[in-house]
Amino acid sequence: MSQAHAPYRLTLERLIDAPPEQVYRAWTDPELLCQWFTPRPWTVASAELDVRPGGSSLVVMRSPEGQDFPNRGVYLEVQPGRRLVFTDAYTEAWLPSAKPFMTVTLEFQPRDGKTHYRADVLHWTEADLREHEAMGFASGWGQATDQLEDLLAGLGGGA
């Protein structure tokens, strides 16, 4: 099934005032990812990112109450500065996860010194999509993207 016809997709699009290489770096540099990835008051306790096709990731999100939620995944496609595709269908080294939930495609397209940023989140089932909506996909991913923009603005040309 092509992504254009995927029935269980949520999408976020934004024009970000930073070049694609900087937006990509914020997604692939663990130190930067920890600063913006979760909507506050949630935080990222740690991030381990092996950014290559087949490489694994572990992002530990922390609730305001201090409870940790580890999220494991594997990168399927990596085009530096342009595109990332990752999934939680695998945990590491192509080991299937107990409960796959989503596959994410991120695209970073140059637009006059800025980035047209698009996140497509494909879910395995309608129930998974509804669960992600109920978790606050629109507000959560939107707020995290606001935080990403703030981080990039603070880094200026040094990102």
C-alpha atoms as a PDB file:
ATOM      1  CA  MET A   1       0.000   0.000   0.000  1.00  0.00           C
ATOM      2  CA  SER A   2       1.438   3.348  -0.932  1.00  0.00           C
ATOM      3  CA  GLN A   3       1.862   5.964   1.758  1.00  0.00           C
ATOM      4  CA  ALA A   4      -0.428   8.319  -0.167  1.00  0.00           C
ATOM      5  CA  HIS A   5      -3.296   5.853   0.313  1.00  0.00           C
ATOM      6  CA  ALA A   6      -2.481   4.671   3.837  1.00  0.00           C
ATOM      7  CA  PRO A   7      -5.757   4.741   5.769  1.00  0.00           C
ATOM      8  CA  TYR A   8      -4.256   5.095   9.253  1.00  0.00           C
ATOM      9  CA  ARG A   9      -2.107   8.202   8.804  1.00  0.00           C
ATOM     10  CA  LEU A  10      -1.690  11.324  10.916  1.00  0.00           C
ATOM     11  CA  THR A  11       0.282  14.223   9.445  1.00  0.00           C
ATOM     12  CA  LEU A  12       1.937  17.366  10.715  1.00  0.00           C
ATOM     13  CA  GLU A  13       3.325  19.960   8.302  1.00  0.00           C
ATOM     14  CA  ARG A  14       5.151  23.167   9.091  1.00  0.00           C
ATOM     15  CA  LEU A  15       7.450  25.721   7.488  1.00  0.00           C
ATOM     16  CA  ILE A  16      10.418  25.959   9.860  1.00  0.00           C
ATOM     17  CA  ASP A  17      12.758  28.961   9.786  1.00  0.00           C
ATOM     18  CA  ALA A  18      15.959  26.920   9.532  1.00  0.00           C
ATOM     19  CA  PRO A  19      17.651  24.997   6.715  1.00  0.00           C
ATOM     20  CA  PRO A  20      16.861  21.274   6.312  1.00  0.00           C
ATOM     21  CA  GLU A  21      20.294  20.217   7.566  1.00  0.00           C
ATOM     22  CA  GLN A  22      19.626  21.891  10.924  1.00  0.00           C
ATOM     23  CA  VAL A  23      16.155  20.368  11.300  1.00  0.00           C
ATOM     24  CA  TYR A  24      17.578  16.950  10.410  1.00  0.00           C
ATOM     25  CA  ARG A  25      20.391  17.422  12.940  1.00  0.00           C
ATOM     26  CA  ALA A  26      17.850  18.208  15.689  1.00  0.00           C
ATOM     27  CA  TRP A  27      16.243  14.821  14.943  1.00  0.00           C
ATOM     28  CA  THR A  28      19.530  12.873  14.814  1.00  0.00           C
ATOM     29  CA  ASP A  29      21.768  14.455  17.486  1.00  0.00           C
ATOM     30  CA  PRO A  30      20.795  12.908  20.851  1.00  0.00           C
ATOM     31  CA  GLU A  31      21.829  16.021  22.797  1.00  0.00           C
ATOM     32  CA  LEU A  32      19.552  18.213  20.674  1.00  0.00           C
ATOM     33  CA  LEU A  33      16.680  15.712  20.563  1.00  0.00           C
ATOM     34  CA  CYS A  34      16.585  15.629  24.369  1.00  0.00           C
ATOM     35  CA  GLN A  35      15.944  19.390  24.414  1.00  0.00           C
ATOM     36  CA  TRP A  36      12.748  19.480  22.333  1.00  0.00           C
ATOM     37  CA  PHE A  37      11.260  16.078  21.512  1.00  0.00           C
ATOM     38  CA  THR A  38       8.460  15.773  24.089  1.00  0.00           C
ATOM     39  CA  PRO A  39       5.738  18.323  24.836  1.00  0.00           C
ATOM     40  CA  ARG A  40       6.457  19.998  28.168  1.00  0.00           C
ATOM     41  CA  PRO A  41       6.130  19.245  31.036  1.00  0.00           C
ATOM     42  CA  TRP A  42       7.294  15.846  29.716  1.00  0.00           C
ATOM     43  CA  THR A  43      11.037  15.531  29.117  1.00  0.00           C
ATOM     44  CA  VAL A  44      13.481  13.193  27.407  1.00  0.00           C
ATOM     45  CA  ALA A  45      15.579  11.443  30.051  1.00  0.00           C
ATOM     46  CA  SER A  46      17.968   9.972  27.468  1.00  0.00           C
ATOM     47  CA  ALA A  47      18.329   9.233  23.769  1.00  0.00           C
ATOM     48  CA  GLU A  48      20.543   6.706  21.989  1.00  0.00           C
ATOM     49  CA  LEU A  49      20.401   7.065  18.203  1.00  0.00           C
ATOM     50  CA  ASP A  50      22.258   4.857  15.707  1.00  0.00           C
ATOM     51  CA  VAL A  51      21.127   6.806  12.634  1.00  0.00           C
ATOM     52  CA  ARG A  52      21.610   4.424   9.705  1.00  0.00           C
ATOM     53  CA  PRO A  53      19.320   1.961   7.944  1.00  0.00           C
ATOM     54  CA  GLY A  54      18.897  -0.905  10.409  1.00  0.00           C
ATOM     55  CA  GLY A  55      20.295   1.175  13.278  1.00  0.00           C
ATOM     56  CA  SER A  56      18.340   1.216  16.506  1.00  0.00           C
ATOM     57  CA  SER A  57      17.073   4.046  18.646  1.00  0.00           C
ATOM     58  CA  LEU A  58      16.075   4.271  22.278  1.00  0.00           C
ATOM     59  CA  VAL A  59      14.331   7.421  23.458  1.00  0.00           C
ATOM     60  CA  VAL A  60      13.275   7.449  27.098  1.00  0.00           C
ATOM     61  CA  MET A  61      10.446   9.903  27.714  1.00  0.00           C
ATOM     62  CA  ARG A  62       9.800  10.996  31.313  1.00  0.00           C
ATOM     63  CA  SER A  63       6.387  12.003  32.626  1.00  0.00           C
ATOM     64  CA  PRO A  64       5.933  15.021  34.917  1.00  0.00           C
ATOM     65  CA  GLU A  65       5.574  12.480  37.764  1.00  0.00           C
ATOM     66  CA  GLY A  66       9.015  11.015  36.995  1.00  0.00           C
ATOM     67  CA  GLN A  67       7.916   7.773  35.326  1.00  0.00           C
ATOM     68  CA  ASP A  68      10.105   6.678  32.400  1.00  0.00           C
ATOM     69  CA  PHE A  69       8.659   5.397  29.119  1.00  0.00           C
ATOM     70  CA  PRO A  70      11.303   3.772  26.896  1.00  0.00           C
ATOM     71  CA  ASN A  71      10.552   3.867  23.170  1.00  0.00           C
ATOM     72  CA  ARG A  72      12.617   1.572  20.978  1.00  0.00           C
ATOM     73  CA  GLY A  73      12.759   1.545  17.217  1.00  0.00           C
ATOM     74  CA  VAL A  74      14.781   0.968  14.088  1.00  0.00           C
ATOM     75  CA  TYR A  75      15.664   3.318  11.244  1.00  0.00           C
ATOM     76  CA  LEU A  76      14.446   2.031   7.880  1.00  0.00           C
ATOM     77  CA  GLU A  77      15.687   4.844   5.627  1.00  0.00           C
ATOM     78  CA  VAL A  78      18.177   7.655   6.205  1.00  0.00           C
ATOM     79  CA  GLN A  79      18.839  10.446   3.709  1.00  0.00           C
ATOM     80  CA  PRO A  80      20.918  13.031   5.601  1.00  0.00           C
ATOM     81  CA  GLY A  81      19.318  16.457   5.582  1.00  0.00           C
ATOM     82  CA  ARG A  82      16.319  15.207   3.568  1.00  0.00           C
ATOM     83  CA  ARG A  83      14.429  12.231   4.995  1.00  0.00           C
ATOM     84  CA  LEU A  84      14.184   9.823   7.918  1.00  0.00           C
ATOM     85  CA  VAL A  85      11.954   6.766   8.191  1.00  0.00           C
ATOM     86  CA  PHE A  86      11.756   4.804  11.427  1.00  0.00           C
ATOM     87  CA  THR A  87       9.436   2.319  13.072  1.00  0.00           C
ATOM     88  CA  ASP A  88       8.712   0.744  16.423  1.00  0.00           C
ATOM     89  CA  ALA A  89       7.842  -2.545  14.663  1.00  0.00           C
ATOM     90  CA  TYR A  90      11.402  -3.600  15.512  1.00  0.00           C
ATOM     91  CA  THR A  91      13.291  -2.937  18.726  1.00  0.00           C
ATOM     92  CA  GLU A  92      16.877  -3.473  17.569  1.00  0.00           C
ATOM     93  CA  ALA A  93      18.757  -5.564  15.021  1.00  0.00           C
ATOM     94  CA  TRP A  94      15.462  -6.494  13.316  1.00  0.00           C
ATOM     95  CA  LEU A  95      13.956  -8.053  16.441  1.00  0.00           C
ATOM     96  CA  PRO A  96      10.162  -7.686  16.228  1.00  0.00           C
ATOM     97  CA  SER A  97       8.577  -5.595  18.944  1.00  0.00           C
ATOM     98  CA  ALA A  98       5.817  -7.010  21.109  1.00  0.00           C
ATOM     99  CA  LYS A  99       3.311  -4.424  19.858  1.00  0.00           C
ATOM    100  CA  PRO A 100       4.116  -2.381  16.755  1.00  0.00           C
ATOM    101  CA  PHE A 101       2.332   0.965  16.819  1.00  0.00           C
ATOM    102  CA  MET A 102       3.651   3.242  14.076  1.00  0.00           C
ATOM    103  CA  THR A 103       6.084   4.019  11.289  1.00  0.00           C
ATOM    104  CA  VAL A 104       7.203   7.635  10.914  1.00  0.00           C
ATOM    105  CA  THR A 105       8.373   9.328   7.722  1.00  0.00           C
ATOM    106  CA  LEU A 106       9.993  12.729   8.168  1.00  0.00           C
ATOM    107  CA  GLU A 107      10.751  14.903   5.175  1.00  0.00           C
ATOM    108  CA  PHE A 108      12.864  18.070   5.203  1.00  0.00           C
ATOM    109  CA  GLN A 109      12.478  20.038   1.949  1.00  0.00           C
ATOM    110  CA  PRO A 110      14.347  23.329   1.333  1.00  0.00           C
ATOM    111  CA  ARG A 111      12.132  26.406   0.821  1.00  0.00           C
ATOM    112  CA  ASP A 112      13.959  29.751   0.454  1.00  0.00           C
ATOM    113  CA  GLY A 113      16.385  29.133   3.324  1.00  0.00           C
ATOM    114  CA  LYS A 114      13.695  27.477   5.420  1.00  0.00           C
ATOM    115  CA  THR A 115      12.417  23.911   5.670  1.00  0.00           C
ATOM    116  CA  HIS A 116       9.087  22.500   4.638  1.00  0.00           C
ATOM    117  CA  TYR A 117       8.811  19.903   7.392  1.00  0.00           C
ATOM    118  CA  ARG A 118       6.383  17.022   7.057  1.00  0.00           C
ATOM    119  CA  ALA A 119       5.834  14.179   9.514  1.00  0.00           C
ATOM    120  CA  ASP A 120       3.636  11.307   8.337  1.00  0.00           C
ATOM    121  CA  VAL A 121       2.810   8.820  11.069  1.00  0.00           C
ATOM    122  CA  LEU A 122       1.377   5.538   9.797  1.00  0.00           C
ATOM    123  CA  HIS A 123      -0.376   3.229  12.239  1.00  0.00           C
ATOM    124  CA  TRP A 124      -0.926  -0.502  11.990  1.00  0.00           C
ATOM    125  CA  THR A 125      -4.639  -0.364  12.806  1.00  0.00           C
ATOM    126  CA  GLU A 126      -7.479   2.116  13.103  1.00  0.00           C
ATOM    127  CA  ALA A 127      -7.429   1.474  16.866  1.00  0.00           C
ATOM    128  CA  ASP A 128      -3.752   2.523  16.982  1.00  0.00           C
ATOM    129  CA  LEU A 129      -4.553   5.692  15.047  1.00  0.00           C
ATOM    130  CA  ARG A 130      -7.448   6.532  17.379  1.00  0.00           C
ATOM    131  CA  GLU A 131      -5.237   5.850  20.413  1.00  0.00           C
ATOM    132  CA  HIS A 132      -2.579   8.234  19.062  1.00  0.00           C
ATOM    133  CA  GLU A 133      -5.230  10.897  18.426  1.00  0.00           C
ATOM    134  CA  ALA A 134      -6.543  10.423  21.984  1.00  0.00           C
ATOM    135  CA  MET A 135      -2.984  10.706  23.340  1.00  0.00           C
ATOM    136  CA  GLY A 136      -2.920  14.173  21.772  1.00  0.00           C
ATOM    137  CA  PHE A 137      -1.050  13.683  18.506  1.00  0.00           C
ATOM    138  CA  ALA A 138      -2.016  17.078  17.075  1.00  0.00           C
ATOM    139  CA  SER A 139      -1.283  19.089  20.204  1.00  0.00           C
ATOM    140  CA  GLY A 140       1.705  17.005  21.350  1.00  0.00           C
ATOM    141  CA  TRP A 141       3.529  16.842  18.023  1.00  0.00           C
ATOM    142  CA  GLY A 142       2.575  20.472  17.420  1.00  0.00           C
ATOM    143  CA  GLN A 143       4.011  21.616  20.759  1.00  0.00           C
ATOM    144  CA  ALA A 144       7.155  19.523  20.265  1.00  0.00           C
ATOM    145  CA  THR A 145       7.599  21.127  16.831  1.00  0.00           C
ATOM    146  CA  ASP A 146       7.184  24.574  18.418  1.00  0.00           C
ATOM    147  CA  GLN A 147       9.966  23.587  20.845  1.00  0.00           C
ATOM    148  CA  LEU A 148      12.077  22.369  17.897  1.00  0.00           C
ATOM    149  CA  GLU A 149      11.639  25.764  16.209  1.00  0.00           C
ATOM    150  CA  ASP A 150      12.600  27.571  19.436  1.00  0.00           C
ATOM    151  CA  LEU A 151      15.709  25.408  19.804  1.00  0.00           C
ATOM    152  CA  LEU A 152      16.793  26.054  16.210  1.00  0.00           C
ATOM    153  CA  ALA A 153      16.196  29.794  16.588  1.00  0.00           C
ATOM    154  CA  GLY A 154      18.397  29.769  19.698  1.00  0.00           C
ATOM    155  CA  LEU A 155      21.154  27.891  17.885  1.00  0.00           C
ATOM    156  CA  GLY A 156      21.089  30.356  14.981  1.00  0.00           C
ATOM    157  CA  GLY A 157      23.674  29.627  12.324  1.00  0.00           C
ATOM    158  CA  GLY A 158      25.679  27.419  14.665  1.00  0.00           C
ATOM    159  CA  ALA A 159      23.395  24.404  14.335  1.00  0.00           C
END
